[in-house]
Amino acid sequence: MNPSPTGPQPIPTAETAHYWRAALEGRLEIQYCRGCARHQFYPRHFCTRCLSDQLDWVQASGRGRIYTYTVCHVAPHPAFESRVPYAIGMIELDEGVRMLAGIVVSDVAYLTIGAPVQVCFESISDDIALPMFRLAGGEPPVTDGAGN
């Protein structure tokens, strides 16, 4: 059992409840429109391209690339103070959608635009797990600055 949340957490809505349930079970699910054969994120009641309501939930590969990112050096909430500096990025999934998520990395200097990433999940309460991303293939080896 996880402790009670000590920081802000998402509040599932009718549109997002399925997404959060899947994340809690360790799956990244996004919507797929049968009307125009396109994935979409974030969850909605209709397709933003063709306006169809024929949406299915599908499991995403969980793979993607860093489209852009920022490094936070100031904690916006006391719950994040121990993480500073930490990275948040716009991740472009292999399915073509982009999502904003935390990037789990031991040193933010390892991050680059275009780096391949893989989803992982961080449980923040008994009810919520956050999809996060880590560098695919692991982090680069640590060197002494001289390439050794």
N, C-alpha and C. Protein backbone atom coordinates (compact mmCIF):
# COMPACT_ATOMS: atom_id res chain seq x y z
N MET A 1 0.84 -1.18 0.00
CA MET A 1 0.00 0.00 0.00
C MET A 1 0.88 1.24 0.00
N ASN A 2 0.56 2.18 -0.88
CA ASN A 2 1.33 3.41 -0.98
C ASN A 2 0.84 4.41 0.06
N PRO A 3 1.72 5.28 0.49
CA PRO A 3 1.29 6.30 1.44
C PRO A 3 0.30 7.25 0.78
N SER A 4 -0.39 8.01 1.58
CA SER A 4 -1.29 9.03 1.05
C SER A 4 -0.49 10.01 0.22
N PRO A 5 -1.07 10.54 -0.84
CA PRO A 5 -0.33 11.49 -1.67
C PRO A 5 0.08 12.71 -0.87
N THR A 6 1.31 13.16 -1.09
CA THR A 6 1.80 14.33 -0.39
C THR A 6 1.92 15.53 -1.32
N GLY A 7 1.60 15.33 -2.57
CA GLY A 7 1.68 16.41 -3.54
C GLY A 7 0.46 16.41 -4.43
N PRO A 8 0.46 17.30 -5.41
CA PRO A 8 -0.68 17.37 -6.32
C PRO A 8 -0.79 16.08 -7.13
N GLN A 9 -2.01 15.72 -7.46
CA GLN A 9 -2.21 14.56 -8.31
C GLN A 9 -3.38 14.80 -9.24
N PRO A 10 -3.39 14.11 -10.39
CA PRO A 10 -4.49 14.29 -11.34
C PRO A 10 -5.82 13.83 -10.74
N ILE A 11 -6.87 14.42 -11.22
CA ILE A 11 -8.22 14.01 -10.82
C ILE A 11 -8.89 13.44 -12.07
N PRO A 12 -9.09 12.12 -12.12
CA PRO A 12 -9.72 11.53 -13.31
C PRO A 12 -11.11 12.10 -13.56
N THR A 13 -11.43 12.24 -14.84
CA THR A 13 -12.75 12.70 -15.28
C THR A 13 -13.38 11.57 -16.08
N ALA A 14 -14.60 11.77 -16.56
CA ALA A 14 -15.26 10.76 -17.39
C ALA A 14 -14.41 10.44 -18.63
N GLU A 15 -13.77 11.45 -19.21
CA GLU A 15 -12.95 11.23 -20.41
C GLU A 15 -11.63 10.54 -20.10
N THR A 16 -11.07 10.76 -18.92
CA THR A 16 -9.72 10.27 -18.62
C THR A 16 -9.67 9.05 -17.70
N ALA A 17 -10.81 8.63 -17.14
CA ALA A 17 -10.81 7.54 -16.16
C ALA A 17 -10.16 6.27 -16.71
N HIS A 18 -10.46 5.90 -17.95
CA HIS A 18 -9.87 4.69 -18.53
C HIS A 18 -8.35 4.82 -18.62
N TYR A 19 -7.88 5.96 -19.05
CA TYR A 19 -6.43 6.22 -19.15
C TYR A 19 -5.75 6.02 -17.80
N TRP A 20 -6.30 6.59 -16.74
CA TRP A 20 -5.69 6.48 -15.41
C TRP A 20 -5.77 5.07 -14.85
N ARG A 21 -6.87 4.36 -15.13
CA ARG A 21 -6.97 2.96 -14.70
C ARG A 21 -5.89 2.11 -15.36
N ALA A 22 -5.71 2.29 -16.66
CA ALA A 22 -4.68 1.54 -17.39
C ALA A 22 -3.29 1.87 -16.85
N ALA A 23 -3.02 3.15 -16.59
CA ALA A 23 -1.71 3.54 -16.06
C ALA A 23 -1.46 2.88 -14.71
N LEU A 24 -2.48 2.82 -13.87
CA LEU A 24 -2.34 2.19 -12.56
C LEU A 24 -1.98 0.71 -12.71
N GLU A 25 -2.42 0.10 -13.82
CA GLU A 25 -2.11 -1.30 -14.10
C GLU A 25 -0.84 -1.47 -14.93
N GLY A 26 -0.12 -0.36 -15.18
CA GLY A 26 1.14 -0.43 -15.89
C GLY A 26 1.03 -0.47 -17.41
N ARG A 27 -0.07 0.08 -17.94
CA ARG A 27 -0.27 0.12 -19.39
C ARG A 27 -0.47 1.56 -19.83
N LEU A 28 0.13 1.93 -20.96
CA LEU A 28 -0.09 3.23 -21.56
C LEU A 28 -1.12 3.04 -22.66
N GLU A 29 -2.32 3.59 -22.47
CA GLU A 29 -3.37 3.46 -23.46
C GLU A 29 -3.75 4.83 -24.00
N ILE A 30 -3.99 4.86 -25.31
CA ILE A 30 -4.39 6.08 -25.99
C ILE A 30 -5.62 5.75 -26.83
N GLN A 31 -6.25 6.76 -27.36
CA GLN A 31 -7.45 6.53 -28.17
C GLN A 31 -7.09 6.35 -29.64
N TYR A 32 -7.89 5.53 -30.30
CA TYR A 32 -7.76 5.29 -31.73
C TYR A 32 -9.13 5.52 -32.37
N CYS A 33 -9.16 6.32 -33.42
CA CYS A 33 -10.41 6.63 -34.11
C CYS A 33 -10.61 5.67 -35.27
N ARG A 34 -11.73 4.94 -35.24
CA ARG A 34 -12.07 4.04 -36.35
C ARG A 34 -12.54 4.83 -37.56
N GLY A 35 -12.99 6.06 -37.35
CA GLY A 35 -13.48 6.88 -38.46
C GLY A 35 -12.38 7.34 -39.40
N CYS A 36 -11.23 7.70 -38.88
CA CYS A 36 -10.15 8.21 -39.74
C CYS A 36 -8.83 7.48 -39.53
N ALA A 37 -8.86 6.39 -38.76
CA ALA A 37 -7.67 5.54 -38.55
C ALA A 37 -6.49 6.34 -37.99
N ARG A 38 -6.77 7.10 -36.93
CA ARG A 38 -5.74 7.97 -36.34
C ARG A 38 -5.78 7.83 -34.82
N HIS A 39 -4.59 7.86 -34.21
CA HIS A 39 -4.50 7.88 -32.74
C HIS A 39 -4.65 9.32 -32.27
N GLN A 40 -5.09 9.47 -31.02
CA GLN A 40 -5.13 10.81 -30.43
C GLN A 40 -4.85 10.73 -28.95
N PHE A 41 -4.27 11.80 -28.45
CA PHE A 41 -4.04 12.00 -27.03
C PHE A 41 -4.11 13.50 -26.84
N TYR A 42 -4.73 13.99 -25.91
CA TYR A 42 -5.29 13.49 -24.68
C TYR A 42 -6.71 12.99 -24.91
N PRO A 43 -7.27 12.22 -23.97
CA PRO A 43 -8.58 11.61 -24.16
C PRO A 43 -9.71 12.63 -24.32
N ARG A 44 -10.59 12.33 -25.28
CA ARG A 44 -11.77 13.16 -25.52
C ARG A 44 -12.95 12.26 -25.87
N HIS A 45 -14.12 12.84 -25.96
CA HIS A 45 -15.32 12.09 -26.34
C HIS A 45 -15.45 11.95 -27.85
N PHE A 46 -14.65 12.66 -28.62
CA PHE A 46 -14.77 12.64 -30.07
C PHE A 46 -13.38 12.81 -30.68
N CYS A 47 -13.24 12.44 -31.94
CA CYS A 47 -11.98 12.59 -32.66
C CYS A 47 -11.79 14.06 -33.05
N THR A 48 -10.62 14.58 -32.79
CA THR A 48 -10.37 15.98 -33.12
C THR A 48 -10.13 16.20 -34.61
N ARG A 49 -9.92 15.14 -35.37
CA ARG A 49 -9.73 15.30 -36.81
C ARG A 49 -11.05 15.20 -37.56
N CYS A 50 -11.80 14.10 -37.34
CA CYS A 50 -13.01 13.87 -38.14
C CYS A 50 -14.31 14.04 -37.34
N LEU A 51 -14.20 14.31 -36.05
CA LEU A 51 -15.33 14.52 -35.14
C LEU A 51 -16.16 13.25 -34.88
N SER A 52 -15.64 12.10 -35.27
CA SER A 52 -16.33 10.83 -35.01
C SER A 52 -16.31 10.53 -33.51
N ASP A 53 -17.34 9.81 -33.07
CA ASP A 53 -17.33 9.35 -31.68
C ASP A 53 -16.95 7.87 -31.62
N GLN A 54 -16.44 7.33 -32.72
CA GLN A 54 -16.06 5.92 -32.79
C GLN A 54 -14.61 5.75 -32.35
N LEU A 55 -14.40 5.95 -31.05
CA LEU A 55 -13.06 5.87 -30.48
C LEU A 55 -12.90 4.60 -29.67
N ASP A 56 -11.76 3.96 -29.83
CA ASP A 56 -11.40 2.79 -29.04
C ASP A 56 -10.16 3.12 -28.24
N TRP A 57 -10.00 2.45 -27.12
CA TRP A 57 -8.77 2.54 -26.34
C TRP A 57 -7.85 1.42 -26.82
N VAL A 58 -6.60 1.77 -27.13
CA VAL A 58 -5.61 0.78 -27.57
C VAL A 58 -4.34 0.96 -26.74
N GLN A 59 -3.63 -0.13 -26.56
CA GLN A 59 -2.38 -0.04 -25.82
C GLN A 59 -1.30 0.51 -26.74
N ALA A 60 -0.65 1.56 -26.32
CA ALA A 60 0.45 2.16 -27.08
C ALA A 60 1.72 1.33 -26.85
N SER A 61 2.65 1.46 -27.76
CA SER A 61 3.92 0.74 -27.63
C SER A 61 4.71 1.21 -26.41
N GLY A 62 4.50 2.46 -26.01
CA GLY A 62 5.27 3.02 -24.90
C GLY A 62 6.62 3.54 -25.34
N ARG A 63 6.90 3.46 -26.63
CA ARG A 63 8.17 3.95 -27.18
C ARG A 63 7.95 5.28 -27.89
N GLY A 64 8.97 6.11 -27.86
CA GLY A 64 8.89 7.38 -28.55
C GLY A 64 10.22 8.09 -28.51
N ARG A 65 10.16 9.38 -28.74
CA ARG A 65 11.37 10.23 -28.75
C ARG A 65 11.06 11.53 -28.03
N ILE A 66 12.09 12.13 -27.48
CA ILE A 66 11.93 13.44 -26.84
C ILE A 66 11.78 14.47 -27.95
N TYR A 67 10.61 15.11 -28.00
CA TYR A 67 10.35 16.16 -28.98
C TYR A 67 10.95 17.48 -28.49
N THR A 68 10.75 17.76 -27.21
CA THR A 68 11.37 18.90 -26.54
C THR A 68 11.30 18.64 -25.05
N TYR A 69 12.06 19.38 -24.28
CA TYR A 69 12.04 19.20 -22.82
C TYR A 69 12.50 20.48 -22.14
N THR A 70 12.21 20.54 -20.86
CA THR A 70 12.70 21.63 -20.03
C THR A 70 13.18 21.03 -18.71
N VAL A 71 14.12 21.69 -18.11
CA VAL A 71 14.64 21.26 -16.81
C VAL A 71 14.16 22.25 -15.76
N CYS A 72 13.50 21.72 -14.75
CA CYS A 72 12.96 22.54 -13.67
C CYS A 72 14.00 22.62 -12.55
N HIS A 73 14.40 23.83 -12.21
CA HIS A 73 15.39 24.06 -11.16
C HIS A 73 14.76 24.61 -9.88
N VAL A 74 13.48 24.96 -9.99
CA VAL A 74 12.74 25.49 -8.84
C VAL A 74 11.49 24.63 -8.67
N ALA A 75 11.30 24.10 -7.50
CA ALA A 75 10.14 23.23 -7.24
C ALA A 75 8.87 24.07 -7.15
N PRO A 76 7.83 23.71 -7.92
CA PRO A 76 6.58 24.46 -7.85
C PRO A 76 5.73 24.07 -6.64
N HIS A 77 6.14 23.02 -5.95
CA HIS A 77 5.39 22.51 -4.80
C HIS A 77 6.40 21.80 -3.90
N PRO A 78 6.22 21.83 -2.59
CA PRO A 78 7.17 21.17 -1.69
C PRO A 78 7.40 19.68 -2.01
N ALA A 79 6.41 19.01 -2.58
CA ALA A 79 6.57 17.59 -2.90
C ALA A 79 7.64 17.35 -3.96
N PHE A 80 8.01 18.38 -4.73
CA PHE A 80 8.99 18.22 -5.80
C PHE A 80 10.39 18.68 -5.40
N GLU A 81 10.56 19.23 -4.22
CA GLU A 81 11.86 19.79 -3.83
C GLU A 81 13.00 18.78 -3.89
N SER A 82 12.75 17.54 -3.51
CA SER A 82 13.82 16.54 -3.51
C SER A 82 14.20 16.10 -4.92
N ARG A 83 13.42 16.46 -5.92
CA ARG A 83 13.69 16.03 -7.31
C ARG A 83 14.50 17.05 -8.11
N VAL A 84 14.56 18.27 -7.65
CA VAL A 84 15.22 19.34 -8.40
C VAL A 84 16.70 19.01 -8.57
N PRO A 85 17.29 19.16 -9.75
CA PRO A 85 16.61 19.49 -11.01
C PRO A 85 15.95 18.24 -11.59
N TYR A 86 14.81 18.45 -12.24
CA TYR A 86 14.12 17.34 -12.90
C TYR A 86 13.63 17.82 -14.27
N ALA A 87 13.35 16.84 -15.13
CA ALA A 87 12.98 17.16 -16.51
C ALA A 87 11.54 16.79 -16.79
N ILE A 88 10.90 17.63 -17.57
CA ILE A 88 9.58 17.38 -18.11
C ILE A 88 9.72 17.52 -19.62
N GLY A 89 9.13 16.59 -20.36
CA GLY A 89 9.30 16.65 -21.80
C GLY A 89 8.02 16.41 -22.56
N MET A 90 8.02 16.88 -23.78
CA MET A 90 6.98 16.54 -24.74
C MET A 90 7.52 15.32 -25.48
N ILE A 91 6.82 14.21 -25.31
CA ILE A 91 7.26 12.95 -25.88
C ILE A 91 6.40 12.65 -27.10
N GLU A 92 7.05 12.38 -28.23
CA GLU A 92 6.32 11.98 -29.43
C GLU A 92 6.35 10.46 -29.49
N LEU A 93 5.18 9.86 -29.26
CA LEU A 93 5.09 8.40 -29.27
C LEU A 93 5.20 7.87 -30.70
N ASP A 94 5.61 6.61 -30.82
CA ASP A 94 5.70 5.98 -32.14
C ASP A 94 4.36 6.01 -32.86
N GLU A 95 3.26 6.08 -32.11
CA GLU A 95 1.92 6.14 -32.71
C GLU A 95 1.59 7.52 -33.29
N GLY A 96 2.47 8.50 -33.10
CA GLY A 96 2.28 9.81 -33.71
C GLY A 96 1.69 10.88 -32.82
N VAL A 97 1.29 10.53 -31.60
CA VAL A 97 0.74 11.54 -30.70
C VAL A 97 1.85 12.06 -29.79
N ARG A 98 1.63 13.23 -29.25
CA ARG A 98 2.59 13.81 -28.29
C ARG A 98 1.92 13.90 -26.93
N MET A 99 2.72 13.65 -25.91
CA MET A 99 2.21 13.77 -24.55
C MET A 99 3.27 14.38 -23.66
N LEU A 100 2.83 15.18 -22.71
CA LEU A 100 3.70 15.81 -21.74
C LEU A 100 3.88 14.86 -20.57
N ALA A 101 5.13 14.63 -20.17
CA ALA A 101 5.38 13.69 -19.07
C ALA A 101 6.74 13.98 -18.45
N GLY A 102 6.90 13.47 -17.24
CA GLY A 102 8.20 13.55 -16.59
C GLY A 102 9.17 12.61 -17.26
N ILE A 103 10.45 12.98 -17.21
CA ILE A 103 11.51 12.13 -17.75
C ILE A 103 12.38 11.71 -16.58
N VAL A 104 12.50 10.40 -16.38
CA VAL A 104 13.28 9.85 -15.28
C VAL A 104 14.71 9.65 -15.77
N VAL A 105 15.64 10.40 -15.18
CA VAL A 105 17.05 10.32 -15.59
C VAL A 105 17.91 10.74 -14.40
N SER A 106 19.04 10.09 -14.21
CA SER A 106 19.88 10.40 -13.06
C SER A 106 20.59 11.75 -13.20
N ASP A 107 20.83 12.17 -14.43
CA ASP A 107 21.50 13.45 -14.69
C ASP A 107 20.85 14.07 -15.91
N VAL A 108 20.26 15.24 -15.77
CA VAL A 108 19.56 15.88 -16.88
C VAL A 108 20.49 16.20 -18.05
N ALA A 109 21.80 16.18 -17.82
CA ALA A 109 22.76 16.42 -18.90
C ALA A 109 22.71 15.32 -19.96
N TYR A 110 22.15 14.17 -19.63
CA TYR A 110 22.04 13.06 -20.58
C TYR A 110 20.93 13.27 -21.60
N LEU A 111 20.06 14.24 -21.38
CA LEU A 111 18.91 14.43 -22.25
C LEU A 111 19.28 15.17 -23.52
N THR A 112 18.71 14.72 -24.63
CA THR A 112 18.86 15.41 -25.91
C THR A 112 17.55 15.32 -26.68
N ILE A 113 17.30 16.31 -27.49
CA ILE A 113 16.14 16.28 -28.38
C ILE A 113 16.33 15.08 -29.32
N GLY A 114 15.28 14.32 -29.50
CA GLY A 114 15.33 13.16 -30.39
C GLY A 114 15.76 11.87 -29.73
N ALA A 115 16.16 11.92 -28.46
CA ALA A 115 16.59 10.71 -27.78
C ALA A 115 15.42 9.73 -27.66
N PRO A 116 15.66 8.45 -27.92
CA PRO A 116 14.59 7.46 -27.76
C PRO A 116 14.28 7.22 -26.29
N VAL A 117 12.98 7.07 -26.01
CA VAL A 117 12.52 6.86 -24.62
C VAL A 117 11.53 5.71 -24.57
N GLN A 118 11.35 5.20 -23.37
CA GLN A 118 10.40 4.11 -23.10
C GLN A 118 9.58 4.49 -21.88
N VAL A 119 8.29 4.17 -21.90
CA VAL A 119 7.42 4.51 -20.78
C VAL A 119 7.79 3.69 -19.54
N CYS A 120 7.58 4.28 -18.40
CA CYS A 120 7.65 3.60 -17.11
C CYS A 120 6.57 4.28 -16.26
N PHE A 121 6.27 3.75 -15.11
CA PHE A 121 5.18 4.30 -14.32
C PHE A 121 5.64 4.56 -12.90
N GLU A 122 5.17 5.68 -12.34
CA GLU A 122 5.47 6.03 -10.96
C GLU A 122 4.16 6.08 -10.19
N SER A 123 4.03 5.20 -9.22
CA SER A 123 2.84 5.19 -8.38
C SER A 123 2.95 6.32 -7.37
N ILE A 124 1.96 7.22 -7.37
CA ILE A 124 2.00 8.35 -6.44
C ILE A 124 0.92 8.25 -5.36
N SER A 125 -0.01 7.30 -5.53
CA SER A 125 -1.03 7.04 -4.52
C SER A 125 -1.62 5.66 -4.80
N ASP A 126 -2.55 5.24 -3.99
CA ASP A 126 -3.22 3.96 -4.23
C ASP A 126 -4.06 4.00 -5.51
N ASP A 127 -4.41 5.18 -5.97
CA ASP A 127 -5.31 5.32 -7.11
C ASP A 127 -4.67 5.86 -8.38
N ILE A 128 -3.46 6.41 -8.30
CA ILE A 128 -2.86 7.07 -9.45
C ILE A 128 -1.41 6.63 -9.65
N ALA A 129 -1.11 6.26 -10.90
CA ALA A 129 0.26 6.03 -11.35
C ALA A 129 0.49 6.95 -12.54
N LEU A 130 1.61 7.63 -12.55
CA LEU A 130 1.91 8.57 -13.62
C LEU A 130 2.77 7.91 -14.70
N PRO A 131 2.35 7.98 -15.96
CA PRO A 131 3.25 7.56 -17.02
C PRO A 131 4.43 8.54 -17.07
N MET A 132 5.61 7.99 -17.02
CA MET A 132 6.84 8.77 -17.11
C MET A 132 7.66 8.13 -18.23
N PHE A 133 8.78 8.73 -18.58
CA PHE A 133 9.63 8.14 -19.61
C PHE A 133 11.07 8.11 -19.14
N ARG A 134 11.80 7.09 -19.57
CA ARG A 134 13.22 6.97 -19.30
C ARG A 134 13.92 6.74 -20.62
N LEU A 135 15.20 7.03 -20.66
CA LEU A 135 15.97 6.84 -21.88
C LEU A 135 15.97 5.36 -22.26
N ALA A 136 15.64 5.07 -23.51
CA ALA A 136 15.63 3.69 -23.99
C ALA A 136 17.08 3.22 -24.09
N GLY A 137 17.33 2.01 -23.68
CA GLY A 137 18.68 1.48 -23.75
C GLY A 137 19.55 1.90 -22.58
N GLY A 138 18.97 2.62 -21.63
CA GLY A 138 19.72 3.04 -20.45
C GLY A 138 20.44 4.36 -20.66
N GLU A 139 21.12 4.77 -19.62
CA GLU A 139 21.85 6.04 -19.65
C GLU A 139 23.28 5.80 -20.13
N PRO A 140 23.90 6.84 -20.68
CA PRO A 140 25.29 6.71 -21.12
C PRO A 140 26.19 6.37 -19.93
N PRO A 141 27.31 5.70 -20.19
CA PRO A 141 28.23 5.41 -19.08
C PRO A 141 28.82 6.71 -18.51
N VAL A 142 29.09 6.67 -17.23
CA VAL A 142 29.69 7.83 -16.56
C VAL A 142 31.16 7.89 -16.91
N THR A 143 31.63 9.09 -17.28
CA THR A 143 33.06 9.26 -17.57
C THR A 143 33.62 10.33 -16.65
N ASP A 144 34.93 10.47 -16.67
CA ASP A 144 35.57 11.46 -15.80
C ASP A 144 35.70 12.82 -16.47
N GLY A 145 35.03 13.00 -17.60
CA GLY A 145 35.09 14.28 -18.30
C GLY A 145 36.16 14.30 -19.36
N ALA A 146 37.11 13.36 -19.28
CA ALA A 146 38.17 13.27 -20.27
C ALA A 146 37.90 12.10 -21.22
N GLY A 147 36.68 11.56 -21.14
CA GLY A 147 36.34 10.45 -22.01
C GLY A 147 36.72 9.10 -21.44
N ASN A 148 37.16 9.05 -20.19
CA ASN A 148 37.58 7.79 -19.58
C ASN A 148 36.49 7.23 -18.71
